[in-house]
Amino acid sequence: MKLFVLLGDPIKQVKLPDLFNDRAREVGLNSLMVMTRCRADSLSDVMAGLSGAEQVTGVVVTVPHKVNVAGMCDSLGPAAEACGSVNVVRRTERGGWHGDNVDGLGFVAGLRARHRLPDHPRVDIIGGGGAGVAIAFALHAQGAEVRIGEIDADRRAAVASLLGAAGTEVQVLDRVDGHACDLVVNATPLGLSPDDPLPLDLSRTSLAPGAVVADIVMDPTRTAWLEHADRLGHATHEGRHMLAAQLEPMLDFFGETRPRSTG
């Protein structure tokens, strides 16, 4: 059996292992995904331990480890190089790790599946973490005009450097306001807790007609921010759509797309 390990902190909100394991059974794969909470100060030890566990074929990475695990990989795919973070890592033939990031692919595919992505949209993304930058990179590749708002100055500079090196024209600002945008995305953890402030007060801005308000938080499904957008009459897009749509690219990355034998 191939074993896949999901690392994050917190992990109570993570739904991927159930989806992955259901899909593995559906297509007849001898694979299993488990998850474990991993503190930031234990991350290097955990990754070293997984390197020595030959049954572990791959690792899925979530908040807050995506950037740090990228630095532990021996090689990176194009999306990971561009955004400086990984959410999938597989063992190489030489025993090292190769990482990539399918967050952006999943987000775009989820939008397209629900007809939520117009041609050449103007997009504001709140948060310059691993997921936010991956989404920005993927949307820019689809012809979107993208701005990222990141309040942390050091992270803002790092994001601007990464995206500039990748040849994108994504603007990186200290904050975004959503004005005249077709799509506004919360790519921060705000919303995981009921006490969290709103990522952006939409009542104080003017979105484009028919604009979509999207969240990447998956639990709760309907965050306070999406409910806020509902009350203002905006179309909304839940985080679960990104998760569902990135499952196939994730399986492709791991080489886990063998169809069930009919022999």
C-alpha atoms as a PDB file:
ATOM      1  CA  MET A   1       0.000   0.000   0.000  1.00  0.00           C
ATOM      2  CA  LYS A   2       1.140   3.533  -0.796  1.00  0.00           C
ATOM      3  CA  LEU A   3       0.830   5.923   2.126  1.00  0.00           C
ATOM      4  CA  PHE A   4       0.257   9.673   1.823  1.00  0.00           C
ATOM      5  CA  VAL A   5       0.564  11.978   4.837  1.00  0.00           C
ATOM      6  CA  LEU A   6      -1.121  15.367   5.230  1.00  0.00           C
ATOM      7  CA  LEU A   7       0.651  17.862   7.495  1.00  0.00           C
ATOM      8  CA  GLY A   8      -0.853  21.029   8.931  1.00  0.00           C
ATOM      9  CA  ASP A   9      -1.660  22.984  12.061  1.00  0.00           C
ATOM     10  CA  PRO A  10      -4.574  23.131  12.686  1.00  0.00           C
ATOM     11  CA  ILE A  11      -6.030  20.154  10.825  1.00  0.00           C
ATOM     12  CA  LYS A  12      -9.533  19.789  12.272  1.00  0.00           C
ATOM     13  CA  GLN A  13     -10.945  21.689   9.279  1.00  0.00           C
ATOM     14  CA  VAL A  14      -9.179  19.539   6.646  1.00  0.00           C
ATOM     15  CA  LYS A  15     -11.490  17.411   4.475  1.00  0.00           C
ATOM     16  CA  LEU A  16      -9.036  16.130   1.879  1.00  0.00           C
ATOM     17  CA  PRO A  17      -8.189  12.664   3.290  1.00  0.00           C
ATOM     18  CA  ASP A  18     -11.801  11.488   3.038  1.00  0.00           C
ATOM     19  CA  LEU A  19     -12.064  12.733  -0.553  1.00  0.00           C
ATOM     20  CA  PHE A  20      -8.713  11.221  -1.503  1.00  0.00           C
ATOM     21  CA  ASN A  21      -9.482   7.841   0.066  1.00  0.00           C
ATOM     22  CA  ASP A  22     -12.932   7.694  -1.518  1.00  0.00           C
ATOM     23  CA  ARG A  23     -11.398   8.448  -4.920  1.00  0.00           C
ATOM     24  CA  ALA A  24      -8.662   5.837  -4.401  1.00  0.00           C
ATOM     25  CA  ARG A  25     -11.295   3.182  -3.711  1.00  0.00           C
ATOM     26  CA  GLU A  26     -13.334   4.325  -6.698  1.00  0.00           C
ATOM     27  CA  VAL A  27     -10.484   3.856  -9.179  1.00  0.00           C
ATOM     28  CA  GLY A  28      -9.005   0.780  -7.487  1.00  0.00           C
ATOM     29  CA  LEU A  29      -5.809   2.242  -5.996  1.00  0.00           C
ATOM     30  CA  ASN A  30      -4.010   0.590  -3.113  1.00  0.00           C
ATOM     31  CA  SER A  31      -3.424   3.949  -1.435  1.00  0.00           C
ATOM     32  CA  LEU A  32      -4.331   5.643   1.825  1.00  0.00           C
ATOM     33  CA  MET A  33      -4.052   9.208   3.080  1.00  0.00           C
ATOM     34  CA  VAL A  34      -3.744   9.989   6.783  1.00  0.00           C
ATOM     35  CA  MET A  35      -3.249  13.351   8.443  1.00  0.00           C
ATOM     36  CA  THR A  36      -1.409  14.563  11.483  1.00  0.00           C
ATOM     37  CA  ARG A  37      -1.071  17.865  13.241  1.00  0.00           C
ATOM     38  CA  CYS A  38       2.490  19.117  12.927  1.00  0.00           C
ATOM     39  CA  ARG A  39       3.751  22.155  14.830  1.00  0.00           C
ATOM     40  CA  ALA A  40       6.058  24.543  13.015  1.00  0.00           C
ATOM     41  CA  ASP A  41       8.936  23.785  15.385  1.00  0.00           C
ATOM     42  CA  SER A  42       8.619  20.059  14.588  1.00  0.00           C
ATOM     43  CA  LEU A  43       8.332  20.353  10.822  1.00  0.00           C
ATOM     44  CA  SER A  44      11.942  19.621   9.870  1.00  0.00           C
ATOM     45  CA  ASP A  45      12.060  16.583  12.154  1.00  0.00           C
ATOM     46  CA  VAL A  46       8.772  15.264  10.792  1.00  0.00           C
ATOM     47  CA  MET A  47       9.864  15.674   7.161  1.00  0.00           C
ATOM     48  CA  ALA A  48      13.172  13.953   7.947  1.00  0.00           C
ATOM     49  CA  GLY A  49      11.260  11.084   9.544  1.00  0.00           C
ATOM     50  CA  LEU A  50       8.975  10.746   6.535  1.00  0.00           C
ATOM     51  CA  SER A  51      12.043  10.636   4.282  1.00  0.00           C
ATOM     52  CA  GLY A  52      13.113   7.491   6.077  1.00  0.00           C
ATOM     53  CA  ALA A  53       9.659   5.880   5.901  1.00  0.00           C
ATOM     54  CA  GLU A  54       9.813   4.194   2.489  1.00  0.00           C
ATOM     55  CA  GLN A  55       6.101   3.385   2.448  1.00  0.00           C
ATOM     56  CA  VAL A  56       5.341   7.133   2.407  1.00  0.00           C
ATOM     57  CA  THR A  57       5.020   8.004  -1.279  1.00  0.00           C
ATOM     58  CA  GLY A  58       3.904  11.600  -0.879  1.00  0.00           C
ATOM     59  CA  VAL A  59       3.045  14.429   1.465  1.00  0.00           C
ATOM     60  CA  VAL A  60       0.225  16.960   1.247  1.00  0.00           C
ATOM     61  CA  VAL A  61       0.981  20.266   2.948  1.00  0.00           C
ATOM     62  CA  THR A  62      -1.463  22.791   4.341  1.00  0.00           C
ATOM     63  CA  VAL A  63      -1.363  25.866   6.588  1.00  0.00           C
ATOM     64  CA  PRO A  64       1.138  26.999   7.836  1.00  0.00           C
ATOM     65  CA  HIS A  65       3.855  24.822   6.286  1.00  0.00           C
ATOM     66  CA  LYS A  66       3.628  25.395   2.523  1.00  0.00           C
ATOM     67  CA  VAL A  67       6.515  27.848   2.243  1.00  0.00           C
ATOM     68  CA  ASN A  68       8.843  26.040   4.652  1.00  0.00           C
ATOM     69  CA  VAL A  69       8.345  22.633   3.032  1.00  0.00           C
ATOM     70  CA  ALA A  70       9.173  24.173  -0.355  1.00  0.00           C
ATOM     71  CA  GLY A  71      12.607  24.951   1.081  1.00  0.00           C
ATOM     72  CA  MET A  72      13.049  21.293   2.042  1.00  0.00           C
ATOM     73  CA  CYS A  73      12.429  19.973  -1.476  1.00  0.00           C
ATOM     74  CA  ASP A  74      15.235  18.929  -3.822  1.00  0.00           C
ATOM     75  CA  SER A  75      13.291  20.197  -6.854  1.00  0.00           C
ATOM     76  CA  LEU A  76      10.148  22.185  -7.561  1.00  0.00           C
ATOM     77  CA  GLY A  77       7.565  22.273 -10.347  1.00  0.00           C
ATOM     78  CA  PRO A  78       6.748  25.487 -12.249  1.00  0.00           C
ATOM     79  CA  ALA A  79       3.863  26.638 -10.029  1.00  0.00           C
ATOM     80  CA  ALA A  80       5.847  26.010  -6.854  1.00  0.00           C
ATOM     81  CA  GLU A  81       8.848  27.888  -8.267  1.00  0.00           C
ATOM     82  CA  ALA A  82       6.625  30.843  -9.119  1.00  0.00           C
ATOM     83  CA  CYS A  83       4.800  31.084  -5.794  1.00  0.00           C
ATOM     84  CA  GLY A  84       7.527  29.822  -3.437  1.00  0.00           C
ATOM     85  CA  SER A  85       5.294  27.264  -1.765  1.00  0.00           C
ATOM     86  CA  VAL A  86       4.148  23.663  -2.151  1.00  0.00           C
ATOM     87  CA  ASN A  87       1.031  21.768  -1.217  1.00  0.00           C
ATOM     88  CA  VAL A  88       2.045  18.424  -2.758  1.00  0.00           C
ATOM     89  CA  VAL A  89       5.378  16.630  -2.408  1.00  0.00           C
ATOM     90  CA  ARG A  90       6.370  13.258  -3.847  1.00  0.00           C
ATOM     91  CA  ARG A  91       9.361  11.016  -3.282  1.00  0.00           C
ATOM     92  CA  THR A  92      11.865  10.943  -6.135  1.00  0.00           C
ATOM     93  CA  GLU A  93      13.738   7.901  -7.432  1.00  0.00           C
ATOM     94  CA  ARG A  94      16.817   9.115  -5.567  1.00  0.00           C
ATOM     95  CA  GLY A  95      14.909   9.349  -2.308  1.00  0.00           C
ATOM     96  CA  GLY A  96      14.554  13.131  -2.181  1.00  0.00           C
ATOM     97  CA  TRP A  97      11.422  15.254  -2.450  1.00  0.00           C
ATOM     98  CA  HIS A  98       9.903  16.969  -5.491  1.00  0.00           C
ATOM     99  CA  GLY A  99       7.223  19.568  -4.722  1.00  0.00           C
ATOM    100  CA  ASP A 100       4.601  21.496  -6.610  1.00  0.00           C
ATOM    101  CA  ASN A 101       1.499  23.539  -5.902  1.00  0.00           C
ATOM    102  CA  VAL A 102      -1.966  22.663  -7.261  1.00  0.00           C
ATOM    103  CA  ASP A 103      -3.917  25.175  -5.152  1.00  0.00           C
ATOM    104  CA  GLY A 104      -4.176  27.589  -8.065  1.00  0.00           C
ATOM    105  CA  LEU A 105      -5.188  24.905 -10.556  1.00  0.00           C
ATOM    106  CA  GLY A 106      -7.899  23.710  -8.185  1.00  0.00           C
ATOM    107  CA  PHE A 107      -9.197  27.204  -7.535  1.00  0.00           C
ATOM    108  CA  VAL A 108      -9.458  28.072 -11.236  1.00  0.00           C
ATOM    109  CA  ALA A 109     -11.033  24.711 -12.085  1.00  0.00           C
ATOM    110  CA  GLY A 110     -13.565  25.160  -9.298  1.00  0.00           C
ATOM    111  CA  LEU A 111     -14.531  28.583 -10.622  1.00  0.00           C
ATOM    112  CA  ARG A 112     -14.865  27.285 -14.166  1.00  0.00           C
ATOM    113  CA  ALA A 113     -17.008  24.347 -13.087  1.00  0.00           C
ATOM    114  CA  ARG A 114     -19.515  26.804 -11.621  1.00  0.00           C
ATOM    115  CA  HIS A 115     -19.190  29.358 -14.461  1.00  0.00           C
ATOM    116  CA  ARG A 116     -17.754  31.892 -12.033  1.00  0.00           C
ATOM    117  CA  LEU A 117     -14.760  33.013 -14.106  1.00  0.00           C
ATOM    118  CA  PRO A 118     -15.409  35.651 -16.792  1.00  0.00           C
ATOM    119  CA  ASP A 119     -12.904  36.447 -19.522  1.00  0.00           C
ATOM    120  CA  HIS A 120     -10.046  38.722 -18.411  1.00  0.00           C
ATOM    121  CA  PRO A 121     -11.449  39.432 -14.943  1.00  0.00           C
ATOM    122  CA  ARG A 122     -10.139  42.011 -12.527  1.00  0.00           C
ATOM    123  CA  VAL A 123      -9.274  40.196  -9.295  1.00  0.00           C
ATOM    124  CA  ASP A 124      -8.309  41.238  -5.771  1.00  0.00           C
ATOM    125  CA  ILE A 125      -6.790  38.568  -3.513  1.00  0.00           C
ATOM    126  CA  ILE A 126      -6.601  39.145   0.221  1.00  0.00           C
ATOM    127  CA  GLY A 127      -3.520  37.460   1.667  1.00  0.00           C
ATOM    128  CA  GLY A 128      -0.082  36.726   0.236  1.00  0.00           C
ATOM    129  CA  GLY A 129       0.471  33.299   1.776  1.00  0.00           C
ATOM    130  CA  GLY A 130       1.150  30.154  -0.220  1.00  0.00           C
ATOM    131  CA  ALA A 131      -2.437  29.641  -1.361  1.00  0.00           C
ATOM    132  CA  GLY A 132      -2.986  33.285  -2.238  1.00  0.00           C
ATOM    133  CA  VAL A 133       0.127  33.482  -4.397  1.00  0.00           C
ATOM    134  CA  ALA A 134      -0.662  30.160  -6.103  1.00  0.00           C
ATOM    135  CA  ILE A 135      -4.155  31.419  -6.927  1.00  0.00           C
ATOM    136  CA  ALA A 136      -2.748  34.713  -8.206  1.00  0.00           C
ATOM    137  CA  PHE A 137      -0.276  32.886 -10.452  1.00  0.00           C
ATOM    138  CA  ALA A 138      -2.976  30.592 -11.870  1.00  0.00           C
ATOM    139  CA  LEU A 139      -5.464  33.415 -12.471  1.00  0.00           C
ATOM    140  CA  HIS A 140      -2.819  35.583 -14.123  1.00  0.00           C
ATOM    141  CA  ALA A 141      -2.046  32.677 -16.465  1.00  0.00           C
ATOM    142  CA  GLN A 142      -5.733  32.726 -17.432  1.00  0.00           C
ATOM    143  CA  GLY A 143      -5.562  36.384 -18.434  1.00  0.00           C
ATOM    144  CA  ALA A 144      -6.778  37.969 -15.207  1.00  0.00           C
ATOM    145  CA  GLU A 145      -5.628  41.359 -13.936  1.00  0.00           C
ATOM    146  CA  VAL A 146      -4.599  40.493 -10.381  1.00  0.00           C
ATOM    147  CA  ARG A 147      -3.716  42.410  -7.237  1.00  0.00           C
ATOM    148  CA  ILE A 148      -2.671  40.848  -3.927  1.00  0.00           C
ATOM    149  CA  GLY A 149      -3.094  42.595  -0.584  1.00  0.00           C
ATOM    150  CA  GLU A 150      -0.611  41.535   2.115  1.00  0.00           C
ATOM    151  CA  ILE A 151      -0.237  43.539   5.323  1.00  0.00           C
ATOM    152  CA  ASP A 152       3.080  41.989   6.408  1.00  0.00           C
ATOM    153  CA  ALA A 153       5.870  44.032   4.820  1.00  0.00           C
ATOM    154  CA  ASP A 154       8.458  41.240   4.698  1.00  0.00           C
ATOM    155  CA  ARG A 155       6.039  38.782   3.134  1.00  0.00           C
ATOM    156  CA  ARG A 156       4.824  41.452   0.724  1.00  0.00           C
ATOM    157  CA  ALA A 157       8.383  42.027  -0.510  1.00  0.00           C
ATOM    158  CA  ALA A 158       8.999  38.287  -0.858  1.00  0.00           C
ATOM    159  CA  VAL A 159       5.786  37.785  -2.833  1.00  0.00           C
ATOM    160  CA  ALA A 160       6.591  40.674  -5.161  1.00  0.00           C
ATOM    161  CA  SER A 161      10.057  39.230  -5.777  1.00  0.00           C
ATOM    162  CA  LEU A 162       8.712  35.743  -6.524  1.00  0.00           C
ATOM    163  CA  LEU A 163       5.995  36.885  -8.889  1.00  0.00           C
ATOM    164  CA  GLY A 164       8.319  39.338 -10.595  1.00  0.00           C
ATOM    165  CA  ALA A 165      10.885  36.590 -11.179  1.00  0.00           C
ATOM    166  CA  ALA A 166       8.113  34.456 -12.689  1.00  0.00           C
ATOM    167  CA  GLY A 167       7.381  37.197 -15.218  1.00  0.00           C
ATOM    168  CA  THR A 168       3.909  38.048 -13.953  1.00  0.00           C
ATOM    169  CA  GLU A 169       2.453  41.533 -13.698  1.00  0.00           C
ATOM    170  CA  VAL A 170       0.586  40.897 -10.457  1.00  0.00           C
ATOM    171  CA  GLN A 171       0.509  43.959  -8.212  1.00  0.00           C
ATOM    172  CA  VAL A 172       1.419  43.357  -4.566  1.00  0.00           C
ATOM    173  CA  LEU A 173       0.014  45.996  -2.211  1.00  0.00           C
ATOM    174  CA  ASP A 174      -0.366  46.424   1.528  1.00  0.00           C
ATOM    175  CA  ARG A 175      -4.133  46.045   1.114  1.00  0.00           C
ATOM    176  CA  VAL A 176      -6.773  45.705  -1.586  1.00  0.00           C
ATOM    177  CA  ASP A 177     -10.291  47.123  -1.563  1.00  0.00           C
ATOM    178  CA  GLY A 178     -12.167  45.156  -4.233  1.00  0.00           C
ATOM    179  CA  HIS A 179     -13.283  48.307  -6.045  1.00  0.00           C
ATOM    180  CA  ALA A 180     -14.565  47.523  -9.576  1.00  0.00           C
ATOM    181  CA  CYS A 181     -13.379  43.915  -9.275  1.00  0.00           C
ATOM    182  CA  ASP A 182     -15.099  40.929 -10.886  1.00  0.00           C
ATOM    183  CA  LEU A 183     -13.722  38.554  -8.246  1.00  0.00           C
ATOM    184  CA  VAL A 184     -12.550  39.083  -4.667  1.00  0.00           C
ATOM    185  CA  VAL A 185     -10.842  36.182  -2.905  1.00  0.00           C
ATOM    186  CA  ASN A 186     -10.152  35.658   0.782  1.00  0.00           C
ATOM    187  CA  ALA A 187      -6.917  33.647   0.779  1.00  0.00           C
ATOM    188  CA  THR A 188      -6.269  34.061   4.512  1.00  0.00           C
ATOM    189  CA  PRO A 189      -7.306  31.819   7.437  1.00  0.00           C
ATOM    190  CA  LEU A 190      -9.767  34.507   8.583  1.00  0.00           C
ATOM    191  CA  GLY A 191     -13.092  32.754   8.977  1.00  0.00           C
ATOM    192  CA  LEU A 192     -11.861  29.554  10.598  1.00  0.00           C
ATOM    193  CA  SER A 193     -12.906  30.987  13.953  1.00  0.00           C
ATOM    194  CA  PRO A 194     -16.304  32.640  14.566  1.00  0.00           C
ATOM    195  CA  ASP A 195     -14.462  35.466  16.345  1.00  0.00           C
ATOM    196  CA  ASP A 196     -12.344  36.388  13.317  1.00  0.00           C
ATOM    197  CA  PRO A 197     -12.808  39.832  11.757  1.00  0.00           C
ATOM    198  CA  LEU A 198     -13.982  40.050   8.161  1.00  0.00           C
ATOM    199  CA  PRO A 199     -11.143  39.982   5.606  1.00  0.00           C
ATOM    200  CA  LEU A 200     -12.774  42.978   3.891  1.00  0.00           C
ATOM    201  CA  ASP A 201     -15.889  44.998   4.668  1.00  0.00           C
ATOM    202  CA  LEU A 202     -17.679  44.736   1.333  1.00  0.00           C
ATOM    203  CA  SER A 203     -20.223  47.368   2.325  1.00  0.00           C
ATOM    204  CA  ARG A 204     -17.457  49.962   1.997  1.00  0.00           C
ATOM    205  CA  THR A 205     -16.500  49.165  -1.576  1.00  0.00           C
ATOM    206  CA  SER A 206     -18.145  48.925  -4.965  1.00  0.00           C
ATOM    207  CA  LEU A 207     -17.591  45.652  -6.783  1.00  0.00           C
ATOM    208  CA  ALA A 208     -18.207  45.251 -10.508  1.00  0.00           C
ATOM    209  CA  PRO A 209     -21.745  44.216 -11.520  1.00  0.00           C
ATOM    210  CA  GLY A 210     -22.134  40.452 -11.135  1.00  0.00           C
ATOM    211  CA  ALA A 211     -18.944  40.160  -9.088  1.00  0.00           C
ATOM    212  CA  VAL A 212     -18.149  36.965  -7.188  1.00  0.00           C
ATOM    213  CA  VAL A 213     -16.923  36.849  -3.595  1.00  0.00           C
ATOM    214  CA  ALA A 214     -14.817  33.728  -2.959  1.00  0.00           C
ATOM    215  CA  ASP A 215     -13.313  32.131   0.129  1.00  0.00           C
ATOM    216  CA  ILE A 216     -10.701  29.385   0.450  1.00  0.00           C
ATOM    217  CA  VAL A 217     -11.712  28.527   4.034  1.00  0.00           C
ATOM    218  CA  MET A 218     -13.421  25.132   3.943  1.00  0.00           C
ATOM    219  CA  ASP A 219     -14.738  24.761   7.471  1.00  0.00           C
ATOM    220  CA  PRO A 220     -17.146  26.337   8.069  1.00  0.00           C
ATOM    221  CA  THR A 221     -18.479  25.971   4.542  1.00  0.00           C
ATOM    222  CA  ARG A 222     -20.362  29.260   4.809  1.00  0.00           C
ATOM    223  CA  THR A 223     -17.973  31.659   6.472  1.00  0.00           C
ATOM    224  CA  ALA A 224     -19.096  34.896   8.078  1.00  0.00           C
ATOM    225  CA  TRP A 225     -17.563  36.714   5.113  1.00  0.00           C
ATOM    226  CA  LEU A 226     -19.625  34.770   2.564  1.00  0.00           C
ATOM    227  CA  GLU A 227     -22.753  35.408   4.631  1.00  0.00           C
ATOM    228  CA  HIS A 228     -21.807  39.105   4.665  1.00  0.00           C
ATOM    229  CA  ALA A 229     -21.515  39.001   0.856  1.00  0.00           C
ATOM    230  CA  ASP A 230     -24.881  37.234   0.605  1.00  0.00           C
ATOM    231  CA  ARG A 231     -26.586  39.972   2.580  1.00  0.00           C
ATOM    232  CA  LEU A 232     -25.177  42.543   0.151  1.00  0.00           C
ATOM    233  CA  GLY A 233     -26.503  40.597  -2.827  1.00  0.00           C
ATOM    234  CA  HIS A 234     -23.185  39.306  -4.198  1.00  0.00           C
ATOM    235  CA  ALA A 235     -22.658  35.874  -5.750  1.00  0.00           C
ATOM    236  CA  THR A 236     -20.436  33.677  -3.573  1.00  0.00           C
ATOM    237  CA  HIS A 237     -18.008  30.801  -4.085  1.00  0.00           C
ATOM    238  CA  GLU A 238     -17.099  28.437  -1.232  1.00  0.00           C
ATOM    239  CA  GLY A 239     -13.692  26.980  -0.424  1.00  0.00           C
ATOM    240  CA  ARG A 240     -14.906  23.412  -0.886  1.00  0.00           C
ATOM    241  CA  HIS A 241     -14.998  23.928  -4.651  1.00  0.00           C
ATOM    242  CA  MET A 242     -11.239  24.503  -4.755  1.00  0.00           C
ATOM    243  CA  LEU A 243     -10.660  21.336  -2.746  1.00  0.00           C
ATOM    244  CA  ALA A 244     -12.855  19.167  -4.944  1.00  0.00           C
ATOM    245  CA  ALA A 245     -11.343  20.516  -8.167  1.00  0.00           C
ATOM    246  CA  GLN A 246      -7.721  20.043  -7.105  1.00  0.00           C
ATOM    247  CA  LEU A 247      -8.143  16.358  -6.282  1.00  0.00           C
ATOM    248  CA  GLU A 248      -7.539  15.197  -9.879  1.00  0.00           C
ATOM    249  CA  PRO A 249      -4.405  17.335 -10.440  1.00  0.00           C
ATOM    250  CA  MET A 250      -3.160  16.102  -7.073  1.00  0.00           C
ATOM    251  CA  LEU A 251      -3.664  12.475  -8.088  1.00  0.00           C
ATOM    252  CA  ASP A 252      -1.941  13.211 -11.407  1.00  0.00           C
ATOM    253  CA  PHE A 253       1.037  14.671  -9.552  1.00  0.00           C
ATOM    254  CA  PHE A 254       1.310  11.553  -7.417  1.00  0.00           C
ATOM    255  CA  GLY A 255       0.808   9.260 -10.420  1.00  0.00           C
ATOM    256  CA  GLU A 256      -2.333   7.872  -8.821  1.00  0.00           C
ATOM    257  CA  THR A 257      -4.751   7.894 -11.766  1.00  0.00           C
ATOM    258  CA  ARG A 258      -4.745   4.227 -12.738  1.00  0.00           C
ATOM    259  CA  PRO A 259      -8.300   3.183 -13.686  1.00  0.00           C
ATOM    260  CA  ARG A 260      -9.895   0.179 -12.036  1.00  0.00           C
ATOM    261  CA  SER A 261      -9.061  -3.063 -13.855  1.00  0.00           C
ATOM    262  CA  THR A 262     -11.978  -4.718 -15.637  1.00  0.00           C
ATOM    263  CA  GLY A 263     -10.122  -7.968 -16.318  1.00  0.00           C
END
